[in-house]
Amino acid sequence: MPRSRTNMGRIAGFTLIEMLVTIAVYGLVIIAAADLLRLLLVNTGQQALSINALDAARKTESDFTDALRDASYGVDGSYPVIQASSSQIIFFSPFGYGSSVVRIRYFVSGTTLYRGITQPSGSAYNLATEAVTPVLQNLSATTTQVFQYYSGTYAGTSSPLAQPVNLNSVTYVQMSLLVPLDEVRNSTSTFLVTTGASIRNLKTNLGN
């Protein structure tokens, strides 16, 4: 017996309801794929920011140690290191300034590390002329000491000098910067970037 046209149409194609369901399913798949792509792009961008933050921290520490190694007496006769706290260090160095021995101050305020430079004026330093610039921002808020100090017997494993530090004992300074890693949005991961240097003019342990 021949089939009716109505039955043949239902077998050969989709009903309206079936077509609407199919379109809805495809729509959900497309939305999910687009959201996944967005997350991938955001995370890639966050990883790039994390790499940049680490590079900036390493550059900052490199500049710090280069100047610190050449620390010397100020033009006013001041000792090479005149302040050594856990959040601030002040020393004198000619590094990067030719024959001029400048007063260099590194200090942390909030989540920003600053550097202050005071050029000599004759045989003195006018602190009112200090040029302060931020060198590293968005540090993680932490109780980690940014600056730690060691004596001439430092061999890489000894404990830092206790605060308040006896300036005459300082021959090695360590800087530690806790940098946030935003590989994923709202991540709280951090990375500790640490370096140190001996002050050549004060160094007594030639093994370091």
C-alpha atoms as a PDB file:
ATOM      1  CA  MET A   1       0.000   0.000   0.000  1.00  0.00           C
ATOM      2  CA  PRO A   2       1.533   3.382  -0.956  1.00  0.00           C
ATOM      3  CA  ARG A   3       2.543   5.732   1.873  1.00  0.00           C
ATOM      4  CA  SER A   4       0.731   9.027   2.290  1.00  0.00           C
ATOM      5  CA  ARG A   5       2.472  12.298   1.456  1.00  0.00           C
ATOM      6  CA  THR A   6       2.236  13.351   5.127  1.00  0.00           C
ATOM      7  CA  ASN A   7       4.134  10.290   6.375  1.00  0.00           C
ATOM      8  CA  MET A   8       6.749  10.609   3.613  1.00  0.00           C
ATOM      9  CA  GLY A   9       7.420  14.256   4.622  1.00  0.00           C
ATOM     10  CA  ARG A  10       7.979  13.308   8.279  1.00  0.00           C
ATOM     11  CA  ILE A  11      10.442  10.573   7.280  1.00  0.00           C
ATOM     12  CA  ALA A  12      12.383  12.643   4.724  1.00  0.00           C
ATOM     13  CA  GLY A  13      12.940  15.806   6.826  1.00  0.00           C
ATOM     14  CA  PHE A  14      12.728  17.444  10.303  1.00  0.00           C
ATOM     15  CA  THR A  15       9.664  18.657  12.022  1.00  0.00           C
ATOM     16  CA  LEU A  16       9.606  22.286  13.161  1.00  0.00           C
ATOM     17  CA  ILE A  17      10.135  21.271  16.810  1.00  0.00           C
ATOM     18  CA  GLU A  18      13.131  19.089  15.925  1.00  0.00           C
ATOM     19  CA  MET A  19      14.684  21.949  13.948  1.00  0.00           C
ATOM     20  CA  LEU A  20      14.220  24.404  16.815  1.00  0.00           C
ATOM     21  CA  VAL A  21      15.822  21.967  19.266  1.00  0.00           C
ATOM     22  CA  THR A  22      18.794  21.454  16.935  1.00  0.00           C
ATOM     23  CA  ILE A  23      19.302  25.207  16.539  1.00  0.00           C
ATOM     24  CA  ALA A  24      19.162  25.657  20.329  1.00  0.00           C
ATOM     25  CA  VAL A  25      21.780  22.932  20.895  1.00  0.00           C
ATOM     26  CA  TYR A  26      24.119  24.444  18.289  1.00  0.00           C
ATOM     27  CA  GLY A  27      23.638  27.844  19.900  1.00  0.00           C
ATOM     28  CA  LEU A  28      24.673  26.511  23.308  1.00  0.00           C
ATOM     29  CA  VAL A  29      27.760  24.867  21.793  1.00  0.00           C
ATOM     30  CA  ILE A  30      28.787  28.117  20.084  1.00  0.00           C
ATOM     31  CA  ILE A  31      28.301  30.118  23.316  1.00  0.00           C
ATOM     32  CA  ALA A  32      30.387  27.617  25.312  1.00  0.00           C
ATOM     33  CA  ALA A  33      33.166  27.656  22.694  1.00  0.00           C
ATOM     34  CA  ALA A  34      33.216  31.466  22.642  1.00  0.00           C
ATOM     35  CA  ASP A  35      33.443  31.629  26.450  1.00  0.00           C
ATOM     36  CA  LEU A  36      36.302  29.119  26.453  1.00  0.00           C
ATOM     37  CA  LEU A  37      38.151  31.150  23.819  1.00  0.00           C
ATOM     38  CA  ARG A  38      37.647  34.325  25.883  1.00  0.00           C
ATOM     39  CA  LEU A  39      39.103  32.627  28.987  1.00  0.00           C
ATOM     40  CA  LEU A  40      42.101  31.411  27.009  1.00  0.00           C
ATOM     41  CA  LEU A  41      42.783  34.906  25.662  1.00  0.00           C
ATOM     42  CA  VAL A  42      42.396  36.508  29.109  1.00  0.00           C
ATOM     43  CA  ASN A  43      44.702  33.979  30.761  1.00  0.00           C
ATOM     44  CA  THR A  44      47.300  34.436  28.026  1.00  0.00           C
ATOM     45  CA  GLY A  45      47.225  38.163  28.676  1.00  0.00           C
ATOM     46  CA  GLN A  46      47.535  37.627  32.436  1.00  0.00           C
ATOM     47  CA  GLN A  47      50.541  35.337  31.928  1.00  0.00           C
ATOM     48  CA  ALA A  48      52.220  38.048  29.858  1.00  0.00           C
ATOM     49  CA  LEU A  49      51.626  40.526  32.694  1.00  0.00           C
ATOM     50  CA  SER A  50      53.185  38.096  35.183  1.00  0.00           C
ATOM     51  CA  ILE A  51      56.278  37.689  33.004  1.00  0.00           C
ATOM     52  CA  ASN A  52      56.592  41.462  32.699  1.00  0.00           C
ATOM     53  CA  ALA A  53      56.286  41.856  36.483  1.00  0.00           C
ATOM     54  CA  LEU A  54      59.066  39.311  37.076  1.00  0.00           C
ATOM     55  CA  ASP A  55      61.293  40.963  34.477  1.00  0.00           C
ATOM     56  CA  ALA A  56      60.742  44.362  36.115  1.00  0.00           C
ATOM     57  CA  ALA A  57      61.596  42.943  39.553  1.00  0.00           C
ATOM     58  CA  ARG A  58      64.800  41.347  38.260  1.00  0.00           C
ATOM     59  CA  LYS A  59      65.790  44.594  36.505  1.00  0.00           C
ATOM     60  CA  THR A  60      65.189  46.550  39.710  1.00  0.00           C
ATOM     61  CA  GLU A  61      67.311  44.167  41.742  1.00  0.00           C
ATOM     62  CA  SER A  62      70.079  44.257  39.132  1.00  0.00           C
ATOM     63  CA  ASP A  63      70.210  48.068  39.272  1.00  0.00           C
ATOM     64  CA  PHE A  64      70.232  47.935  43.074  1.00  0.00           C
ATOM     65  CA  THR A  65      73.091  45.441  43.363  1.00  0.00           C
ATOM     66  CA  ASP A  66      75.188  47.213  40.707  1.00  0.00           C
ATOM     67  CA  ALA A  67      75.049  50.454  42.688  1.00  0.00           C
ATOM     68  CA  LEU A  68      75.469  48.756  46.056  1.00  0.00           C
ATOM     69  CA  ARG A  69      78.631  46.894  45.058  1.00  0.00           C
ATOM     70  CA  ASP A  70      80.344  50.232  44.382  1.00  0.00           C
ATOM     71  CA  ALA A  71      79.100  51.894  47.587  1.00  0.00           C
ATOM     72  CA  SER A  72      81.703  54.289  48.960  1.00  0.00           C
ATOM     73  CA  TYR A  73      82.120  57.202  51.375  1.00  0.00           C
ATOM     74  CA  GLY A  74      79.997  60.238  50.559  1.00  0.00           C
ATOM     75  CA  VAL A  75      81.508  63.554  49.490  1.00  0.00           C
ATOM     76  CA  ASP A  76      80.677  64.827  52.981  1.00  0.00           C
ATOM     77  CA  GLY A  77      82.677  62.002  54.558  1.00  0.00           C
ATOM     78  CA  SER A  78      79.594  59.924  55.450  1.00  0.00           C
ATOM     79  CA  TYR A  79      79.997  56.161  55.920  1.00  0.00           C
ATOM     80  CA  PRO A  80      79.037  54.178  52.755  1.00  0.00           C
ATOM     81  CA  VAL A  81      75.798  52.930  54.371  1.00  0.00           C
ATOM     82  CA  ILE A  82      73.979  55.383  56.639  1.00  0.00           C
ATOM     83  CA  GLN A  83      70.621  53.619  57.106  1.00  0.00           C
ATOM     84  CA  ALA A  84      69.785  49.935  57.087  1.00  0.00           C
ATOM     85  CA  SER A  85      66.206  49.090  58.034  1.00  0.00           C
ATOM     86  CA  SER A  86      63.980  46.298  56.724  1.00  0.00           C
ATOM     87  CA  SER A  87      62.066  48.683  54.436  1.00  0.00           C
ATOM     88  CA  GLN A  88      64.700  51.323  53.616  1.00  0.00           C
ATOM     89  CA  ILE A  89      68.395  51.533  52.837  1.00  0.00           C
ATOM     90  CA  ILE A  90      70.491  54.651  52.218  1.00  0.00           C
ATOM     91  CA  PHE A  91      73.991  54.465  50.793  1.00  0.00           C
ATOM     92  CA  PHE A  92      76.437  56.388  48.621  1.00  0.00           C
ATOM     93  CA  SER A  93      77.692  55.202  45.256  1.00  0.00           C
ATOM     94  CA  PRO A  94      79.243  56.568  42.055  1.00  0.00           C
ATOM     95  CA  PHE A  95      77.779  53.787  39.886  1.00  0.00           C
ATOM     96  CA  GLY A  96      76.204  55.238  36.763  1.00  0.00           C
ATOM     97  CA  TYR A  97      77.160  58.802  37.689  1.00  0.00           C
ATOM     98  CA  GLY A  98      80.773  58.976  36.588  1.00  0.00           C
ATOM     99  CA  SER A  99      82.971  60.524  39.246  1.00  0.00           C
ATOM    100  CA  SER A 100      80.030  61.873  41.290  1.00  0.00           C
ATOM    101  CA  VAL A 101      79.192  59.965  44.448  1.00  0.00           C
ATOM    102  CA  VAL A 102      75.415  60.269  44.827  1.00  0.00           C
ATOM    103  CA  ARG A 103      73.213  59.540  47.818  1.00  0.00           C
ATOM    104  CA  ILE A 104      70.891  56.642  46.965  1.00  0.00           C
ATOM    105  CA  ARG A 105      67.793  55.779  48.943  1.00  0.00           C
ATOM    106  CA  TYR A 106      65.614  52.718  48.286  1.00  0.00           C
ATOM    107  CA  PHE A 107      62.429  52.505  50.322  1.00  0.00           C
ATOM    108  CA  VAL A 108      59.029  50.837  50.304  1.00  0.00           C
ATOM    109  CA  SER A 109      55.807  52.766  50.790  1.00  0.00           C
ATOM    110  CA  GLY A 110      52.580  50.789  50.531  1.00  0.00           C
ATOM    111  CA  THR A 111      53.064  48.349  47.656  1.00  0.00           C
ATOM    112  CA  THR A 112      55.594  50.473  45.745  1.00  0.00           C
ATOM    113  CA  LEU A 113      59.391  50.458  45.856  1.00  0.00           C
ATOM    114  CA  TYR A 114      60.927  53.900  45.330  1.00  0.00           C
ATOM    115  CA  ARG A 115      64.425  55.148  44.605  1.00  0.00           C
ATOM    116  CA  GLY A 116      65.638  58.556  45.662  1.00  0.00           C
ATOM    117  CA  ILE A 117      68.783  60.132  44.186  1.00  0.00           C
ATOM    118  CA  THR A 118      70.505  63.165  45.686  1.00  0.00           C
ATOM    119  CA  GLN A 119      73.325  64.704  43.690  1.00  0.00           C
ATOM    120  CA  PRO A 120      76.216  66.243  45.645  1.00  0.00           C
ATOM    121  CA  SER A 121      76.501  69.987  45.884  1.00  0.00           C
ATOM    122  CA  GLY A 122      80.122  70.720  46.546  1.00  0.00           C
ATOM    123  CA  SER A 123      81.031  68.707  49.622  1.00  0.00           C
ATOM    124  CA  ALA A 124      77.462  68.249  50.868  1.00  0.00           C
ATOM    125  CA  TYR A 125      74.057  66.776  49.966  1.00  0.00           C
ATOM    126  CA  ASN A 126      70.962  68.978  49.910  1.00  0.00           C
ATOM    127  CA  LEU A 127      68.173  66.505  50.702  1.00  0.00           C
ATOM    128  CA  ALA A 128      65.596  68.969  49.420  1.00  0.00           C
ATOM    129  CA  THR A 129      66.868  68.231  45.910  1.00  0.00           C
ATOM    130  CA  GLU A 130      66.330  64.473  46.165  1.00  0.00           C
ATOM    131  CA  ALA A 131      64.674  63.076  43.018  1.00  0.00           C
ATOM    132  CA  VAL A 132      62.307  60.250  43.978  1.00  0.00           C
ATOM    133  CA  THR A 133      60.876  57.881  41.394  1.00  0.00           C
ATOM    134  CA  PRO A 134      58.854  54.647  41.686  1.00  0.00           C
ATOM    135  CA  VAL A 135      60.917  51.728  40.381  1.00  0.00           C
ATOM    136  CA  LEU A 136      58.546  48.825  41.060  1.00  0.00           C
ATOM    137  CA  GLN A 137      54.821  48.962  41.718  1.00  0.00           C
ATOM    138  CA  ASN A 138      52.128  46.508  42.808  1.00  0.00           C
ATOM    139  CA  LEU A 139      54.284  44.511  45.188  1.00  0.00           C
ATOM    140  CA  SER A 140      52.341  41.995  47.250  1.00  0.00           C
ATOM    141  CA  ALA A 141      51.460  43.222  50.718  1.00  0.00           C
ATOM    142  CA  THR A 142      53.497  41.038  53.030  1.00  0.00           C
ATOM    143  CA  THR A 143      55.531  40.933  56.213  1.00  0.00           C
ATOM    144  CA  THR A 144      58.573  39.778  54.223  1.00  0.00           C
ATOM    145  CA  GLN A 145      61.552  42.050  54.910  1.00  0.00           C
ATOM    146  CA  VAL A 146      62.605  43.775  51.723  1.00  0.00           C
ATOM    147  CA  PHE A 147      66.164  44.411  52.957  1.00  0.00           C
ATOM    148  CA  GLN A 148      68.269  42.120  55.107  1.00  0.00           C
ATOM    149  CA  TYR A 149      71.859  42.675  56.188  1.00  0.00           C
ATOM    150  CA  TYR A 150      74.783  40.382  56.863  1.00  0.00           C
ATOM    151  CA  SER A 151      78.228  40.727  58.374  1.00  0.00           C
ATOM    152  CA  GLY A 152      81.625  40.075  56.794  1.00  0.00           C
ATOM    153  CA  THR A 153      81.463  36.417  57.753  1.00  0.00           C
ATOM    154  CA  TYR A 154      78.395  35.805  55.561  1.00  0.00           C
ATOM    155  CA  ALA A 155      78.783  32.569  53.575  1.00  0.00           C
ATOM    156  CA  GLY A 156      75.277  32.247  52.170  1.00  0.00           C
ATOM    157  CA  THR A 157      73.683  30.364  55.068  1.00  0.00           C
ATOM    158  CA  SER A 158      74.008  32.537  58.168  1.00  0.00           C
ATOM    159  CA  SER A 159      71.155  34.514  59.733  1.00  0.00           C
ATOM    160  CA  PRO A 160      70.743  38.213  58.954  1.00  0.00           C
ATOM    161  CA  LEU A 161      71.801  40.863  61.424  1.00  0.00           C
ATOM    162  CA  ALA A 162      69.145  41.797  63.955  1.00  0.00           C
ATOM    163  CA  GLN A 163      67.472  45.197  63.865  1.00  0.00           C
ATOM    164  CA  PRO A 164      68.579  47.814  64.696  1.00  0.00           C
ATOM    165  CA  VAL A 165      71.580  46.939  62.556  1.00  0.00           C
ATOM    166  CA  ASN A 166      75.102  48.001  63.489  1.00  0.00           C
ATOM    167  CA  LEU A 167      76.110  49.770  60.270  1.00  0.00           C
ATOM    168  CA  ASN A 168      79.787  48.984  60.831  1.00  0.00           C
ATOM    169  CA  SER A 169      78.946  45.266  60.593  1.00  0.00           C
ATOM    170  CA  VAL A 170      77.170  45.421  57.229  1.00  0.00           C
ATOM    171  CA  THR A 171      79.121  44.085  54.257  1.00  0.00           C
ATOM    172  CA  TYR A 172      76.372  42.193  52.394  1.00  0.00           C
ATOM    173  CA  VAL A 173      72.796  43.291  51.640  1.00  0.00           C
ATOM    174  CA  GLN A 174      69.941  41.168  50.353  1.00  0.00           C
ATOM    175  CA  MET A 175      66.827  42.489  48.602  1.00  0.00           C
ATOM    176  CA  SER A 176      63.635  40.397  48.459  1.00  0.00           C
ATOM    177  CA  LEU A 177      60.626  41.418  46.359  1.00  0.00           C
ATOM    178  CA  LEU A 178      57.339  39.523  46.513  1.00  0.00           C
ATOM    179  CA  VAL A 179      55.733  39.836  43.082  1.00  0.00           C
ATOM    180  CA  PRO A 180      52.091  38.886  42.355  1.00  0.00           C
ATOM    181  CA  LEU A 181      51.574  36.316  39.612  1.00  0.00           C
ATOM    182  CA  ASP A 182      48.275  36.864  37.808  1.00  0.00           C
ATOM    183  CA  GLU A 183      48.336  33.855  35.490  1.00  0.00           C
ATOM    184  CA  VAL A 184      44.612  33.520  36.134  1.00  0.00           C
ATOM    185  CA  ARG A 185      42.337  36.455  36.887  1.00  0.00           C
ATOM    186  CA  ASN A 186      41.902  37.002  40.651  1.00  0.00           C
ATOM    187  CA  SER A 187      44.846  34.696  41.383  1.00  0.00           C
ATOM    188  CA  THR A 188      46.660  35.274  44.692  1.00  0.00           C
ATOM    189  CA  SER A 189      49.865  33.474  43.668  1.00  0.00           C
ATOM    190  CA  THR A 190      53.165  35.261  44.309  1.00  0.00           C
ATOM    191  CA  PHE A 191      56.826  34.766  43.461  1.00  0.00           C
ATOM    192  CA  LEU A 192      59.732  35.856  45.651  1.00  0.00           C
ATOM    193  CA  VAL A 193      62.576  37.463  43.672  1.00  0.00           C
ATOM    194  CA  THR A 194      65.727  37.650  45.792  1.00  0.00           C
ATOM    195  CA  THR A 195      69.250  38.884  45.146  1.00  0.00           C
ATOM    196  CA  GLY A 196      72.149  40.276  47.136  1.00  0.00           C
ATOM    197  CA  ALA A 197      75.534  41.905  46.814  1.00  0.00           C
ATOM    198  CA  SER A 198      78.671  42.513  48.829  1.00  0.00           C
ATOM    199  CA  ILE A 199      79.895  46.068  49.283  1.00  0.00           C
ATOM    200  CA  ARG A 200      83.377  45.867  47.791  1.00  0.00           C
ATOM    201  CA  ASN A 201      84.821  48.692  49.845  1.00  0.00           C
ATOM    202  CA  LEU A 202      83.659  47.046  53.068  1.00  0.00           C
ATOM    203  CA  LYS A 203      84.012  43.380  52.187  1.00  0.00           C
ATOM    204  CA  THR A 204      86.148  41.312  54.541  1.00  0.00           C
ATOM    205  CA  ASN A 205      85.204  37.807  53.408  1.00  0.00           C
ATOM    206  CA  LEU A 206      86.822  37.449  49.973  1.00  0.00           C
ATOM    207  CA  GLY A 207      85.216  34.033  49.506  1.00  0.00           C
ATOM    208  CA  ASN A 208      81.866  35.697  48.626  1.00  0.00           C
END
